[in-house]
């Protein structure tokens, strides 16, 4: 079955929104490492939808948020790019056992709350571009 670009973009948006809700739920449950992993996942999916919209090609198999932002042609600020680079590290840190413990210890309530808020601001920025479709 073949999907239109609009359907694929809508899929990425819905999936990213779902992962954003999961991140917020995990924060309430004090599962801070998992919360930050889902922050990364939500941003990745929202960015991939915008990449598909910009390129009319399937989303690339990458997890580098700053690279994905570049592919969207949105021109993030220097600060946004730095935040995307930092949040991209949560993907690896939450997955691999050899660095998982160090990441877990880093994920305090204040650290996680800060990046949850940064993720929220990035999501609002990205969703603003979805509305311009």
C-alpha atoms as a PDB file:
ATOM      1  CA  UNK A   1       0.000   0.000   0.000  1.00  0.00           C
ATOM      2  CA  UNK A   2       1.257   3.430  -0.890  1.00  0.00           C
ATOM      3  CA  UNK A   3       0.806   6.444   1.383  1.00  0.00           C
ATOM      4  CA  UNK A   4       0.768  10.091   0.438  1.00  0.00           C
ATOM      5  CA  UNK A   5       3.353  12.481   1.794  1.00  0.00           C
ATOM      6  CA  UNK A   6       0.626  14.150   3.853  1.00  0.00           C
ATOM      7  CA  UNK A   7      -0.342  10.804   5.427  1.00  0.00           C
ATOM      8  CA  UNK A   8       3.271  10.012   6.302  1.00  0.00           C
ATOM      9  CA  UNK A   9       3.817  13.462   7.793  1.00  0.00           C
ATOM     10  CA  UNK A  10       0.603  13.099   9.829  1.00  0.00           C
ATOM     11  CA  UNK A  11       1.802   9.696  11.082  1.00  0.00           C
ATOM     12  CA  UNK A  12       5.087  11.183  12.343  1.00  0.00           C
ATOM     13  CA  UNK A  13       3.195  14.023  14.017  1.00  0.00           C
ATOM     14  CA  UNK A  14       0.760  11.691  15.818  1.00  0.00           C
ATOM     15  CA  UNK A  15       3.530   9.335  16.858  1.00  0.00           C
ATOM     16  CA  UNK A  16       5.659  12.197  18.162  1.00  0.00           C
ATOM     17  CA  UNK A  17       2.731  13.634  20.107  1.00  0.00           C
ATOM     18  CA  UNK A  18       2.105  10.222  21.661  1.00  0.00           C
ATOM     19  CA  UNK A  19       5.742   9.922  22.723  1.00  0.00           C
ATOM     20  CA  UNK A  20       5.622  13.446  24.181  1.00  0.00           C
ATOM     21  CA  UNK A  21       2.658  12.411  26.332  1.00  0.00           C
ATOM     22  CA  UNK A  22       4.543   9.309  27.444  1.00  0.00           C
ATOM     23  CA  UNK A  23       7.545  11.470  28.413  1.00  0.00           C
ATOM     24  CA  UNK A  24       5.331  13.660  30.597  1.00  0.00           C
ATOM     25  CA  UNK A  25       3.689  10.612  32.185  1.00  0.00           C
ATOM     26  CA  UNK A  26       7.098   9.097  32.946  1.00  0.00           C
ATOM     27  CA  UNK A  27       8.179  12.355  34.594  1.00  0.00           C
ATOM     28  CA  UNK A  28       5.174  12.184  36.917  1.00  0.00           C
ATOM     29  CA  UNK A  29       6.153   8.597  37.760  1.00  0.00           C
ATOM     30  CA  UNK A  30       9.712   9.763  38.526  1.00  0.00           C
ATOM     31  CA  UNK A  31      11.139   7.568  35.764  1.00  0.00           C
ATOM     32  CA  UNK A  32      13.503  10.327  34.754  1.00  0.00           C
ATOM     33  CA  UNK A  33      15.874   8.405  32.498  1.00  0.00           C
ATOM     34  CA  UNK A  34      12.976   6.960  30.499  1.00  0.00           C
ATOM     35  CA  UNK A  35      11.312  10.382  30.417  1.00  0.00           C
ATOM     36  CA  UNK A  36      14.359  11.895  28.725  1.00  0.00           C
ATOM     37  CA  UNK A  37      14.584   9.011  26.272  1.00  0.00           C
ATOM     38  CA  UNK A  38      10.993   9.682  25.242  1.00  0.00           C
ATOM     39  CA  UNK A  39      11.735  13.412  24.963  1.00  0.00           C
ATOM     40  CA  UNK A  40      14.347  12.469  22.386  1.00  0.00           C
ATOM     41  CA  UNK A  41      11.958  10.109  20.630  1.00  0.00           C
ATOM     42  CA  UNK A  42       9.181  12.718  20.445  1.00  0.00           C
ATOM     43  CA  UNK A  43      11.514  15.301  18.930  1.00  0.00           C
ATOM     44  CA  UNK A  44      12.973  12.784  16.511  1.00  0.00           C
ATOM     45  CA  UNK A  45       9.556  11.843  15.180  1.00  0.00           C
ATOM     46  CA  UNK A  46       8.340  15.438  14.862  1.00  0.00           C
ATOM     47  CA  UNK A  47      11.530  16.317  13.012  1.00  0.00           C
ATOM     48  CA  UNK A  48      11.213  13.295  10.720  1.00  0.00           C
ATOM     49  CA  UNK A  49       7.729  14.373   9.711  1.00  0.00           C
ATOM     50  CA  UNK A  50       9.059  17.797   8.800  1.00  0.00           C
ATOM     51  CA  UNK A  51      11.950  16.204   6.896  1.00  0.00           C
ATOM     52  CA  UNK A  52       9.477  14.135   4.878  1.00  0.00           C
ATOM     53  CA  UNK A  53       7.457  17.268   4.162  1.00  0.00           C
ATOM     54  CA  UNK A  54      10.555  19.226   3.079  1.00  0.00           C
ATOM     55  CA  UNK A  55      12.192  16.512   0.976  1.00  0.00           C
ATOM     56  CA  UNK A  56       9.237  14.421  -0.216  1.00  0.00           C
ATOM     57  CA  UNK A  57      11.460  11.436   0.610  1.00  0.00           C
ATOM     58  CA  UNK A  58      11.220   8.818   3.380  1.00  0.00           C
ATOM     59  CA  UNK A  59      12.667   9.861   6.713  1.00  0.00           C
ATOM     60  CA  UNK A  60      16.330   8.933   7.066  1.00  0.00           C
ATOM     61  CA  UNK A  61      17.371   6.194   9.481  1.00  0.00           C
ATOM     62  CA  UNK A  62      19.245   8.538  11.805  1.00  0.00           C
ATOM     63  CA  UNK A  63      18.721   9.714  15.376  1.00  0.00           C
ATOM     64  CA  UNK A  64      20.831  12.886  15.250  1.00  0.00           C
ATOM     65  CA  UNK A  65      18.315  15.618  16.091  1.00  0.00           C
ATOM     66  CA  UNK A  66      20.504  18.508  14.923  1.00  0.00           C
ATOM     67  CA  UNK A  67      21.094  16.774  11.569  1.00  0.00           C
ATOM     68  CA  UNK A  68      17.366  16.126  11.194  1.00  0.00           C
ATOM     69  CA  UNK A  69      16.645  19.788  11.965  1.00  0.00           C
ATOM     70  CA  UNK A  70      19.057  20.786   9.200  1.00  0.00           C
ATOM     71  CA  UNK A  71      17.235  18.522   6.756  1.00  0.00           C
ATOM     72  CA  UNK A  72      13.911  20.236   7.560  1.00  0.00           C
ATOM     73  CA  UNK A  73      15.325  23.558   6.281  1.00  0.00           C
ATOM     74  CA  UNK A  74      13.815  25.302   9.352  1.00  0.00           C
ATOM     75  CA  UNK A  75      17.048  27.037  10.419  1.00  0.00           C
ATOM     76  CA  UNK A  76      17.048  26.473  14.174  1.00  0.00           C
ATOM     77  CA  UNK A  77      18.833  29.002  16.335  1.00  0.00           C
ATOM     78  CA  UNK A  78      22.259  28.236  17.772  1.00  0.00           C
ATOM     79  CA  UNK A  79      20.624  27.612  21.158  1.00  0.00           C
ATOM     80  CA  UNK A  80      18.012  25.265  19.671  1.00  0.00           C
ATOM     81  CA  UNK A  81      20.728  23.356  17.827  1.00  0.00           C
ATOM     82  CA  UNK A  82      22.739  22.974  21.029  1.00  0.00           C
ATOM     83  CA  UNK A  83      19.679  21.704  22.894  1.00  0.00           C
ATOM     84  CA  UNK A  84      18.963  19.230  20.092  1.00  0.00           C
ATOM     85  CA  UNK A  85      22.550  17.957  20.292  1.00  0.00           C
ATOM     86  CA  UNK A  86      22.283  17.484  24.043  1.00  0.00           C
ATOM     87  CA  UNK A  87      18.902  15.762  23.886  1.00  0.00           C
ATOM     88  CA  UNK A  88      20.198  13.481  21.121  1.00  0.00           C
ATOM     89  CA  UNK A  89      22.653  12.028  23.637  1.00  0.00           C
ATOM     90  CA  UNK A  90      19.718  10.802  25.736  1.00  0.00           C
ATOM     91  CA  UNK A  91      18.909   8.297  22.985  1.00  0.00           C
ATOM     92  CA  UNK A  92      22.212   6.465  23.354  1.00  0.00           C
ATOM     93  CA  UNK A  93      22.524   6.964  27.108  1.00  0.00           C
ATOM     94  CA  UNK A  94      19.157   5.377  27.805  1.00  0.00           C
ATOM     95  CA  UNK A  95      19.737   2.360  25.550  1.00  0.00           C
ATOM     96  CA  UNK A  96      23.135   0.895  26.204  1.00  0.00           C
ATOM     97  CA  UNK A  97      23.980  -0.844  29.467  1.00  0.00           C
ATOM     98  CA  UNK A  98      27.580   0.317  29.582  1.00  0.00           C
ATOM     99  CA  UNK A  99      26.491   3.961  29.964  1.00  0.00           C
ATOM    100  CA  UNK A 100      22.977   3.501  31.319  1.00  0.00           C
ATOM    101  CA  UNK A 101      23.964   3.672  35.013  1.00  0.00           C
ATOM    102  CA  UNK A 102      25.861   6.953  34.613  1.00  0.00           C
ATOM    103  CA  UNK A 103      22.907   8.437  32.735  1.00  0.00           C
ATOM    104  CA  UNK A 104      20.478   7.182  35.387  1.00  0.00           C
ATOM    105  CA  UNK A 105      22.484   8.945  38.102  1.00  0.00           C
ATOM    106  CA  UNK A 106      22.556  12.157  36.049  1.00  0.00           C
ATOM    107  CA  UNK A 107      18.747  12.146  35.655  1.00  0.00           C
ATOM    108  CA  UNK A 108      17.799  13.941  38.837  1.00  0.00           C
ATOM    109  CA  UNK A 109      14.471  15.702  39.200  1.00  0.00           C
ATOM    110  CA  UNK A 110      15.945  19.179  38.453  1.00  0.00           C
ATOM    111  CA  UNK A 111      17.992  17.926  35.468  1.00  0.00           C
ATOM    112  CA  UNK A 112      15.018  16.120  33.977  1.00  0.00           C
ATOM    113  CA  UNK A 113      12.609  18.991  34.657  1.00  0.00           C
ATOM    114  CA  UNK A 114      14.969  21.349  32.836  1.00  0.00           C
ATOM    115  CA  UNK A 115      15.168  19.158  29.741  1.00  0.00           C
ATOM    116  CA  UNK A 116      11.455  18.404  29.835  1.00  0.00           C
ATOM    117  CA  UNK A 117      10.861  22.162  29.626  1.00  0.00           C
ATOM    118  CA  UNK A 118      13.443  22.574  26.854  1.00  0.00           C
ATOM    119  CA  UNK A 119      11.780  19.722  24.957  1.00  0.00           C
ATOM    120  CA  UNK A 120       8.399  21.401  25.396  1.00  0.00           C
ATOM    121  CA  UNK A 121       9.740  24.620  23.871  1.00  0.00           C
ATOM    122  CA  UNK A 122      11.275  22.715  20.949  1.00  0.00           C
ATOM    123  CA  UNK A 123       8.035  20.806  20.393  1.00  0.00           C
ATOM    124  CA  UNK A 124       6.034  24.030  20.335  1.00  0.00           C
ATOM    125  CA  UNK A 125       8.482  25.430  17.770  1.00  0.00           C
ATOM    126  CA  UNK A 126       8.226  22.314  15.592  1.00  0.00           C
ATOM    127  CA  UNK A 127       4.449  22.047  15.859  1.00  0.00           C
ATOM    128  CA  UNK A 128       4.217  25.662  14.758  1.00  0.00           C
ATOM    129  CA  UNK A 129       5.776  24.532  11.488  1.00  0.00           C
ATOM    130  CA  UNK A 130       3.254  21.710  11.153  1.00  0.00           C
ATOM    131  CA  UNK A 131       0.479  24.313  11.296  1.00  0.00           C
ATOM    132  CA  UNK A 132       2.068  26.114   8.343  1.00  0.00           C
ATOM    133  CA  UNK A 133       1.519  23.062   6.145  1.00  0.00           C
END
